[in-house]
Amino acid sequence: MKNYIAFLLQLIVWSVFTIAQWLSNKDHIEYKWIMFIVFFYLGFIVAKKILQSSRLTLIVTIISLSTFFSLKIFFEQILVAI
């Protein structure tokens, strides 16, 4: 159950990252990478507080990140096709 809660909270963090990235669409790519690192760290810290294990936190973070961006690409393709 803790894994699921950490996963959902990280999906919220990635959603906020996407909104922040959308709002800063005129920034240079370096700033977007820095922003990604900050949000990755924030998501990692949130999951670490819940899970209390570095290894499990890294696994949940990678799974949530890949799930979120896979779904993001999928829905963007659907919107382009419409």
PDB file of N, CA and C in Angstrom:
ATOM      1  N   MET A   1       0.819  -1.192   0.000  1.00  0.00           N
ATOM      2  CA  MET A   1       0.000   0.000   0.000  1.00  0.00           C
ATOM      3  C   MET A   1       0.868   1.264   0.000  1.00  0.00           C
ATOM      4  N   LYS A   2       1.993   1.210   0.707  1.00  0.00           N
ATOM      5  CA  LYS A   2       2.888   2.364   0.726  1.00  0.00           C
ATOM      6  C   LYS A   2       3.462   2.634  -0.664  1.00  0.00           C
ATOM      7  N   ASN A   3       3.742   1.550  -1.401  1.00  0.00           N
ATOM      8  CA  ASN A   3       4.268   1.716  -2.762  1.00  0.00           C
ATOM      9  C   ASN A   3       3.268   2.459  -3.642  1.00  0.00           C
ATOM     10  N   TYR A   4       2.004   2.097  -3.509  1.00  0.00           N
ATOM     11  CA  TYR A   4       0.954   2.714  -4.307  1.00  0.00           C
ATOM     12  C   TYR A   4       0.790   4.196  -3.966  1.00  0.00           C
ATOM     13  N   ILE A   5       0.830   4.529  -2.714  1.00  0.00           N
ATOM     14  CA  ILE A   5       0.703   5.932  -2.293  1.00  0.00           C
ATOM     15  C   ILE A   5       1.889   6.750  -2.802  1.00  0.00           C
ATOM     16  N   ALA A   6       3.092   6.198  -2.674  1.00  0.00           N
ATOM     17  CA  ALA A   6       4.277   6.893  -3.188  1.00  0.00           C
ATOM     18  C   ALA A   6       4.184   7.069  -4.699  1.00  0.00           C
ATOM     19  N   PHE A   7       3.702   6.044  -5.391  1.00  0.00           N
ATOM     20  CA  PHE A   7       3.535   6.103  -6.837  1.00  0.00           C
ATOM     21  C   PHE A   7       2.561   7.218  -7.224  1.00  0.00           C
ATOM     22  N   LEU A   8       1.422   7.292  -6.539  1.00  0.00           N
ATOM     23  CA  LEU A   8       0.427   8.322  -6.850  1.00  0.00           C
ATOM     24  C   LEU A   8       0.940   9.734  -6.557  1.00  0.00           C
ATOM     25  N   LEU A   9       1.639   9.886  -5.449  1.00  0.00           N
ATOM     26  CA  LEU A   9       2.202  11.205  -5.131  1.00  0.00           C
ATOM     27  C   LEU A   9       3.248  11.623  -6.153  1.00  0.00           C
ATOM     28  N   GLN A  10       4.009  10.659  -6.631  1.00  0.00           N
ATOM     29  CA  GLN A  10       4.993  10.998  -7.652  1.00  0.00           C
ATOM     30  C   GLN A  10       4.324  11.350  -8.976  1.00  0.00           C
ATOM     31  N   LEU A  11       3.223  10.713  -9.294  1.00  0.00           N
ATOM     32  CA  LEU A  11       2.487  11.104 -10.499  1.00  0.00           C
ATOM     33  C   LEU A  11       1.998  12.544 -10.384  1.00  0.00           C
ATOM     34  N   ILE A  12       1.628  12.952  -9.186  1.00  0.00           N
ATOM     35  CA  ILE A  12       1.235  14.344  -8.965  1.00  0.00           C
ATOM     36  C   ILE A  12       2.437  15.264  -9.179  1.00  0.00           C
ATOM     37  N   VAL A  13       3.601  14.862  -8.688  1.00  0.00           N
ATOM     38  CA  VAL A  13       4.818  15.664  -8.882  1.00  0.00           C
ATOM     39  C   VAL A  13       5.131  15.787 -10.369  1.00  0.00           C
ATOM     40  N   TRP A  14       5.010  14.688 -11.125  1.00  0.00           N
ATOM     41  CA  TRP A  14       5.298  14.756 -12.571  1.00  0.00           C
ATOM     42  C   TRP A  14       4.267  15.613 -13.287  1.00  0.00           C
ATOM     43  N   SER A  15       3.023  15.599 -12.814  1.00  0.00           N
ATOM     44  CA  SER A  15       2.003  16.463 -13.413  1.00  0.00           C
ATOM     45  C   SER A  15       2.328  17.936 -13.186  1.00  0.00           C
ATOM     46  N   VAL A  16       2.763  18.261 -11.989  1.00  0.00           N
ATOM     47  CA  VAL A  16       3.168  19.645 -11.691  1.00  0.00           C
ATOM     48  C   VAL A  16       4.384  20.030 -12.529  1.00  0.00           C
ATOM     49  N   PHE A  17       5.305  19.089 -12.723  1.00  0.00           N
ATOM     50  CA  PHE A  17       6.467  19.349 -13.579  1.00  0.00           C
ATOM     51  C   PHE A  17       6.020  19.670 -15.004  1.00  0.00           C
ATOM     52  N   THR A  18       5.049  18.940 -15.512  1.00  0.00           N
ATOM     53  CA  THR A  18       4.559  19.185 -16.866  1.00  0.00           C
ATOM     54  C   THR A  18       3.913  20.554 -16.980  1.00  0.00           C
ATOM     55  N   ILE A  19       3.165  20.940 -15.965  1.00  0.00           N
ATOM     56  CA  ILE A  19       2.561  22.278 -15.967  1.00  0.00           C
ATOM     57  C   ILE A  19       3.638  23.357 -15.902  1.00  0.00           C
ATOM     58  N   ALA A  20       4.639  23.159 -15.055  1.00  0.00           N
ATOM     59  CA  ALA A  20       5.737  24.133 -14.957  1.00  0.00           C
ATOM     60  C   ALA A  20       6.513  24.210 -16.268  1.00  0.00           C
ATOM     61  N   GLN A  21       6.692  23.081 -16.913  1.00  0.00           N
ATOM     62  CA  GLN A  21       7.395  23.063 -18.200  1.00  0.00           C
ATOM     63  C   GLN A  21       6.566  23.778 -19.270  1.00  0.00           C
ATOM     64  N   TRP A  22       5.265  23.577 -19.236  1.00  0.00           N
ATOM     65  CA  TRP A  22       4.384  24.240 -20.193  1.00  0.00           C
ATOM     66  C   TRP A  22       4.394  25.757 -19.989  1.00  0.00           C
ATOM     67  N   LEU A  23       4.431  26.191 -18.728  1.00  0.00           N
ATOM     68  CA  LEU A  23       4.457  27.628 -18.437  1.00  0.00           C
ATOM     69  C   LEU A  23       5.778  28.280 -18.805  1.00  0.00           C
ATOM     70  N   SER A  24       6.845  27.497 -18.844  1.00  0.00           N
ATOM     71  CA  SER A  24       8.167  28.046 -19.168  1.00  0.00           C
ATOM     72  C   SER A  24       8.614  27.581 -20.545  1.00  0.00           C
ATOM     73  N   ASN A  25       7.721  27.645 -21.520  1.00  0.00           N
ATOM     74  CA  ASN A  25       8.038  27.119 -22.843  1.00  0.00           C
ATOM     75  C   ASN A  25       9.095  27.930 -23.594  1.00  0.00           C
ATOM     76  N   LYS A  26       9.382  29.138 -23.165  1.00  0.00           N
ATOM     77  CA  LYS A  26      10.383  29.960 -23.843  1.00  0.00           C
ATOM     78  C   LYS A  26      11.762  29.879 -23.189  1.00  0.00           C
ATOM     79  N   ASP A  27      11.884  29.095 -22.141  1.00  0.00           N
ATOM     80  CA  ASP A  27      13.180  28.957 -21.468  1.00  0.00           C
ATOM     81  C   ASP A  27      14.130  28.097 -22.293  1.00  0.00           C
ATOM     82  N   HIS A  28      15.411  28.252 -22.005  1.00  0.00           N
ATOM     83  CA  HIS A  28      16.422  27.428 -22.662  1.00  0.00           C
ATOM     84  C   HIS A  28      16.358  26.005 -22.135  1.00  0.00           C
ATOM     85  N   ILE A  29      16.900  25.095 -22.899  1.00  0.00           N
ATOM     86  CA  ILE A  29      16.839  23.676 -22.544  1.00  0.00           C
ATOM     87  C   ILE A  29      17.604  23.387 -21.245  1.00  0.00           C
ATOM     88  N   GLU A  30      18.649  24.168 -20.967  1.00  0.00           N
ATOM     89  CA  GLU A  30      19.413  23.955 -19.732  1.00  0.00           C
ATOM     90  C   GLU A  30      18.543  24.182 -18.504  1.00  0.00           C
ATOM     91  N   TYR A  31      17.692  25.195 -18.555  1.00  0.00           N
ATOM     92  CA  TYR A  31      16.809  25.492 -17.432  1.00  0.00           C
ATOM     93  C   TYR A  31      15.746  24.408 -17.263  1.00  0.00           C
ATOM     94  N   LYS A  32      15.310  23.845 -18.375  1.00  0.00           N
ATOM     95  CA  LYS A  32      14.335  22.764 -18.294  1.00  0.00           C
ATOM     96  C   LYS A  32      14.959  21.513 -17.670  1.00  0.00           C
ATOM     97  N   TRP A  33      16.220  21.250 -17.970  1.00  0.00           N
ATOM     98  CA  TRP A  33      16.914  20.114 -17.343  1.00  0.00           C
ATOM     99  C   TRP A  33      17.105  20.343 -15.848  1.00  0.00           C
ATOM    100  N   ILE A  34      17.438  21.558 -15.490  1.00  0.00           N
ATOM    101  CA  ILE A  34      17.584  21.875 -14.062  1.00  0.00           C
ATOM    102  C   ILE A  34      16.243  21.712 -13.351  1.00  0.00           C
ATOM    103  N   MET A  35      15.183  22.161 -13.996  1.00  0.00           N
ATOM    104  CA  MET A  35      13.856  22.007 -13.420  1.00  0.00           C
ATOM    105  C   MET A  35      13.483  20.524 -13.296  1.00  0.00           C
ATOM    106  N   PHE A  36      13.857  19.708 -14.284  1.00  0.00           N
ATOM    107  CA  PHE A  36      13.595  18.273 -14.206  1.00  0.00           C
ATOM    108  C   PHE A  36      14.339  17.645 -13.027  1.00  0.00           C
ATOM    109  N   ILE A  37      15.585  18.034 -12.838  1.00  0.00           N
ATOM    110  CA  ILE A  37      16.379  17.494 -11.728  1.00  0.00           C
ATOM    111  C   ILE A  37      15.753  17.884 -10.388  1.00  0.00           C
ATOM    112  N   VAL A  38      15.284  19.118 -10.279  1.00  0.00           N
ATOM    113  CA  VAL A  38      14.645  19.568  -9.035  1.00  0.00           C
ATOM    114  C   VAL A  38      13.375  18.767  -8.761  1.00  0.00           C
ATOM    115  N   PHE A  39      12.544  18.572  -9.778  1.00  0.00           N
ATOM    116  CA  PHE A  39      11.310  17.803  -9.579  1.00  0.00           C
ATOM    117  C   PHE A  39      11.602  16.326  -9.329  1.00  0.00           C
ATOM    118  N   PHE A  40      12.642  15.791  -9.974  1.00  0.00           N
ATOM    119  CA  PHE A  40      13.029  14.404  -9.716  1.00  0.00           C
ATOM    120  C   PHE A  40      13.451  14.242  -8.262  1.00  0.00           C
ATOM    121  N   TYR A  41      14.241  15.191  -7.780  1.00  0.00           N
ATOM    122  CA  TYR A  41      14.678  15.151  -6.390  1.00  0.00           C
ATOM    123  C   TYR A  41      13.490  15.281  -5.436  1.00  0.00           C
ATOM    124  N   LEU A  42      12.560  16.165  -5.761  1.00  0.00           N
ATOM    125  CA  LEU A  42      11.374  16.339  -4.935  1.00  0.00           C
ATOM    126  C   LEU A  42      10.544  15.053  -4.882  1.00  0.00           C
ATOM    127  N   GLY A  43      10.335  14.425  -6.032  1.00  0.00           N
ATOM    128  CA  GLY A  43       9.608  13.161  -6.066  1.00  0.00           C
ATOM    129  C   GLY A  43      10.327  12.062  -5.313  1.00  0.00           C
ATOM    130  N   PHE A  44      11.648  12.047  -5.421  1.00  0.00           N
ATOM    131  CA  PHE A  44      12.443  11.043  -4.715  1.00  0.00           C
ATOM    132  C   PHE A  44      12.332  11.237  -3.207  1.00  0.00           C
ATOM    133  N   ILE A  45      12.400  12.475  -2.747  1.00  0.00           N
ATOM    134  CA  ILE A  45      12.316  12.755  -1.312  1.00  0.00           C
ATOM    135  C   ILE A  45      10.936  12.399  -0.766  1.00  0.00           C
ATOM    136  N   VAL A  46       9.882  12.705  -1.529  1.00  0.00           N
ATOM    137  CA  VAL A  46       8.528  12.364  -1.093  1.00  0.00           C
ATOM    138  C   VAL A  46       8.386  10.855  -0.933  1.00  0.00           C
ATOM    139  N   ALA A  47       8.862  10.107  -1.904  1.00  0.00           N
ATOM    140  CA  ALA A  47       8.769   8.643  -1.832  1.00  0.00           C
ATOM    141  C   ALA A  47       9.671   8.079  -0.736  1.00  0.00           C
ATOM    142  N   LYS A  48      10.821   8.689  -0.542  1.00  0.00           N
ATOM    143  CA  LYS A  48      11.751   8.213   0.502  1.00  0.00           C
ATOM    144  C   LYS A  48      11.135   8.363   1.888  1.00  0.00           C
ATOM    145  N   LYS A  49      10.413   9.458   2.112  1.00  0.00           N
ATOM    146  CA  LYS A  49       9.738   9.657   3.400  1.00  0.00           C
ATOM    147  C   LYS A  49       8.686   8.585   3.646  1.00  0.00           C
ATOM    148  N   ILE A  50       8.012   8.153   2.597  1.00  0.00           N
ATOM    149  CA  ILE A  50       6.955   7.161   2.745  1.00  0.00           C
ATOM    150  C   ILE A  50       7.524   5.749   2.833  1.00  0.00           C
ATOM    151  N   LEU A  51       8.461   5.422   1.947  1.00  0.00           N
ATOM    152  CA  LEU A  51       8.929   4.044   1.825  1.00  0.00           C
ATOM    153  C   LEU A  51      10.075   3.691   2.763  1.00  0.00           C
ATOM    154  N   GLN A  52      10.903   4.643   3.124  1.00  0.00           N
ATOM    155  CA  GLN A  52      12.018   4.438   4.059  1.00  0.00           C
ATOM    156  C   GLN A  52      13.081   3.463   3.532  1.00  0.00           C
ATOM    157  N   SER A  53      13.174   3.311   2.216  1.00  0.00           N
ATOM    158  CA  SER A  53      14.169   2.436   1.605  1.00  0.00           C
ATOM    159  C   SER A  53      14.659   3.083   0.319  1.00  0.00           C
ATOM    160  N   SER A  54      15.959   3.282   0.209  1.00  0.00           N
ATOM    161  CA  SER A  54      16.505   3.954  -0.969  1.00  0.00           C
ATOM    162  C   SER A  54      16.306   3.126  -2.238  1.00  0.00           C
ATOM    163  N   ARG A  55      16.519   1.833  -2.132  1.00  0.00           N
ATOM    164  CA  ARG A  55      16.395   0.958  -3.305  1.00  0.00           C
ATOM    165  C   ARG A  55      14.955   0.931  -3.805  1.00  0.00           C
ATOM    166  N   LEU A  56      14.014   0.736  -2.918  1.00  0.00           N
ATOM    167  CA  LEU A  56      12.605   0.701  -3.288  1.00  0.00           C
ATOM    168  C   LEU A  56      12.139   2.067  -3.792  1.00  0.00           C
ATOM    169  N   THR A  57      12.649   3.118  -3.199  1.00  0.00           N
ATOM    170  CA  THR A  57      12.306   4.473  -3.641  1.00  0.00           C
ATOM    171  C   THR A  57      12.771   4.708  -5.070  1.00  0.00           C
ATOM    172  N   LEU A  58      13.979   4.284  -5.393  1.00  0.00           N
ATOM    173  CA  LEU A  58      14.497   4.447  -6.749  1.00  0.00           C
ATOM    174  C   LEU A  58      13.666   3.649  -7.746  1.00  0.00           C
ATOM    175  N   ILE A  59      13.279   2.442  -7.392  1.00  0.00           N
ATOM    176  CA  ILE A  59      12.471   1.612  -8.282  1.00  0.00           C
ATOM    177  C   ILE A  59      11.104   2.258  -8.528  1.00  0.00           C
ATOM    178  N   VAL A  60      10.441   2.710  -7.466  1.00  0.00           N
ATOM    179  CA  VAL A  60       9.123   3.342  -7.606  1.00  0.00           C
ATOM    180  C   VAL A  60       9.241   4.637  -8.404  1.00  0.00           C
ATOM    181  N   THR A  61      10.305   5.389  -8.197  1.00  0.00           N
ATOM    182  CA  THR A  61      10.498   6.643  -8.926  1.00  0.00           C
ATOM    183  C   THR A  61      10.683   6.390 -10.417  1.00  0.00           C
ATOM    184  N   ILE A  62      11.477   5.419 -10.765  1.00  0.00           N
ATOM    185  CA  ILE A  62      11.698   5.103 -12.178  1.00  0.00           C
ATOM    186  C   ILE A  62      10.416   4.583 -12.822  1.00  0.00           C
ATOM    187  N   ILE A  63       9.674   3.746 -12.111  1.00  0.00           N
ATOM    188  CA  ILE A  63       8.419   3.222 -12.652  1.00  0.00           C
ATOM    189  C   ILE A  63       7.397   4.350 -12.835  1.00  0.00           C
ATOM    190  N   SER A  64       7.282   5.235 -11.852  1.00  0.00           N
ATOM    191  CA  SER A  64       6.308   6.324 -11.980  1.00  0.00           C
ATOM    192  C   SER A  64       6.709   7.296 -13.085  1.00  0.00           C
ATOM    193  N   LEU A  65       7.984   7.559 -13.209  1.00  0.00           N
ATOM    194  CA  LEU A  65       8.465   8.458 -14.261  1.00  0.00           C
ATOM    195  C   LEU A  65       8.210   7.867 -15.641  1.00  0.00           C
ATOM    196  N   SER A  66       8.528   6.606 -15.828  1.00  0.00           N
ATOM    197  CA  SER A  66       8.312   5.984 -17.139  1.00  0.00           C
ATOM    198  C   SER A  66       6.818   5.845 -17.445  1.00  0.00           C
ATOM    199  N   THR A  67       6.019   5.531 -16.444  1.00  0.00           N
ATOM    200  CA  THR A  67       4.572   5.429 -16.650  1.00  0.00           C
ATOM    201  C   THR A  67       3.981   6.779 -17.045  1.00  0.00           C
ATOM    202  N   PHE A  68       4.359   7.821 -16.319  1.00  0.00           N
ATOM    203  CA  PHE A  68       3.798   9.139 -16.597  1.00  0.00           C
ATOM    204  C   PHE A  68       4.162   9.614 -17.994  1.00  0.00           C
ATOM    205  N   PHE A  69       5.431   9.515 -18.372  1.00  0.00           N
ATOM    206  CA  PHE A  69       5.824  10.028 -19.674  1.00  0.00           C
ATOM    207  C   PHE A  69       5.336   9.137 -20.812  1.00  0.00           C
ATOM    208  N   SER A  70       5.151   7.849 -20.563  1.00  0.00           N
ATOM    209  CA  SER A  70       4.541   6.983 -21.575  1.00  0.00           C
ATOM    210  C   SER A  70       3.091   7.388 -21.813  1.00  0.00           C
ATOM    211  N   LEU A  71       2.363   7.618 -20.735  1.00  0.00           N
ATOM    212  CA  LEU A  71       0.972   8.061 -20.875  1.00  0.00           C
ATOM    213  C   LEU A  71       0.880   9.449 -21.503  1.00  0.00           C
ATOM    214  N   LYS A  72       1.824  10.303 -21.171  1.00  0.00           N
ATOM    215  CA  LYS A  72       1.838  11.650 -21.748  1.00  0.00           C
ATOM    216  C   LYS A  72       2.030  11.581 -23.264  1.00  0.00           C
ATOM    217  N   ILE A  73       2.974  10.778 -23.714  1.00  0.00           N
ATOM    218  CA  ILE A  73       3.215  10.621 -25.152  1.00  0.00           C
ATOM    219  C   ILE A  73       1.999   9.988 -25.829  1.00  0.00           C
ATOM    220  N   PHE A  74       1.404   8.993 -25.186  1.00  0.00           N
ATOM    221  CA  PHE A  74       0.231   8.331 -25.735  1.00  0.00           C
ATOM    222  C   PHE A  74      -0.915   9.316 -25.937  1.00  0.00           C
ATOM    223  N   PHE A  75      -1.222  10.118 -24.922  1.00  0.00           N
ATOM    224  CA  PHE A  75      -2.334  11.059 -25.032  1.00  0.00           C
ATOM    225  C   PHE A  75      -2.025  12.204 -25.988  1.00  0.00           C
ATOM    226  N   GLU A  76      -0.766  12.600 -26.096  1.00  0.00           N
ATOM    227  CA  GLU A  76      -0.406  13.624 -27.080  1.00  0.00           C
ATOM    228  C   GLU A  76      -0.619  13.103 -28.497  1.00  0.00           C
ATOM    229  N   GLN A  77      -0.303  11.827 -28.733  1.00  0.00           N
ATOM    230  CA  GLN A  77      -0.531  11.227 -30.046  1.00  0.00           C
ATOM    231  C   GLN A  77      -2.018  11.155 -30.374  1.00  0.00           C
ATOM    232  N   ILE A  78      -2.829  10.868 -29.375  1.00  0.00           N
ATOM    233  CA  ILE A  78      -4.276  10.821 -29.587  1.00  0.00           C
ATOM    234  C   ILE A  78      -4.797  12.213 -29.944  1.00  0.00           C
ATOM    235  N   LEU A  79      -4.300  13.244 -29.236  1.00  0.00           N
ATOM    236  CA  LEU A  79      -4.760  14.606 -29.515  1.00  0.00           C
ATOM    237  C   LEU A  79      -4.323  15.073 -30.896  1.00  0.00           C
ATOM    238  N   VAL A  80      -3.158  14.662 -31.343  1.00  0.00           N
ATOM    239  CA  VAL A  80      -2.684  15.043 -32.673  1.00  0.00           C
ATOM    240  C   VAL A  80      -3.523  14.357 -33.741  1.00  0.00           C
ATOM    241  N   ALA A  81      -3.921  13.125 -33.478  1.00  0.00           N
ATOM    242  CA  ALA A  81      -4.703  12.364 -34.468  1.00  0.00           C
ATOM    243  C   ALA A  81      -6.122  12.898 -34.610  1.00  0.00           C
ATOM    244  N   ILE A  82      -6.619  13.551 -33.588  1.00  0.00           N
ATOM    245  CA  ILE A  82      -8.016  14.041 -33.645  1.00  0.00           C
ATOM    246  C   ILE A  82      -8.129  15.284 -34.449  1.00  0.00           C
TER     247      ILE A  82
END
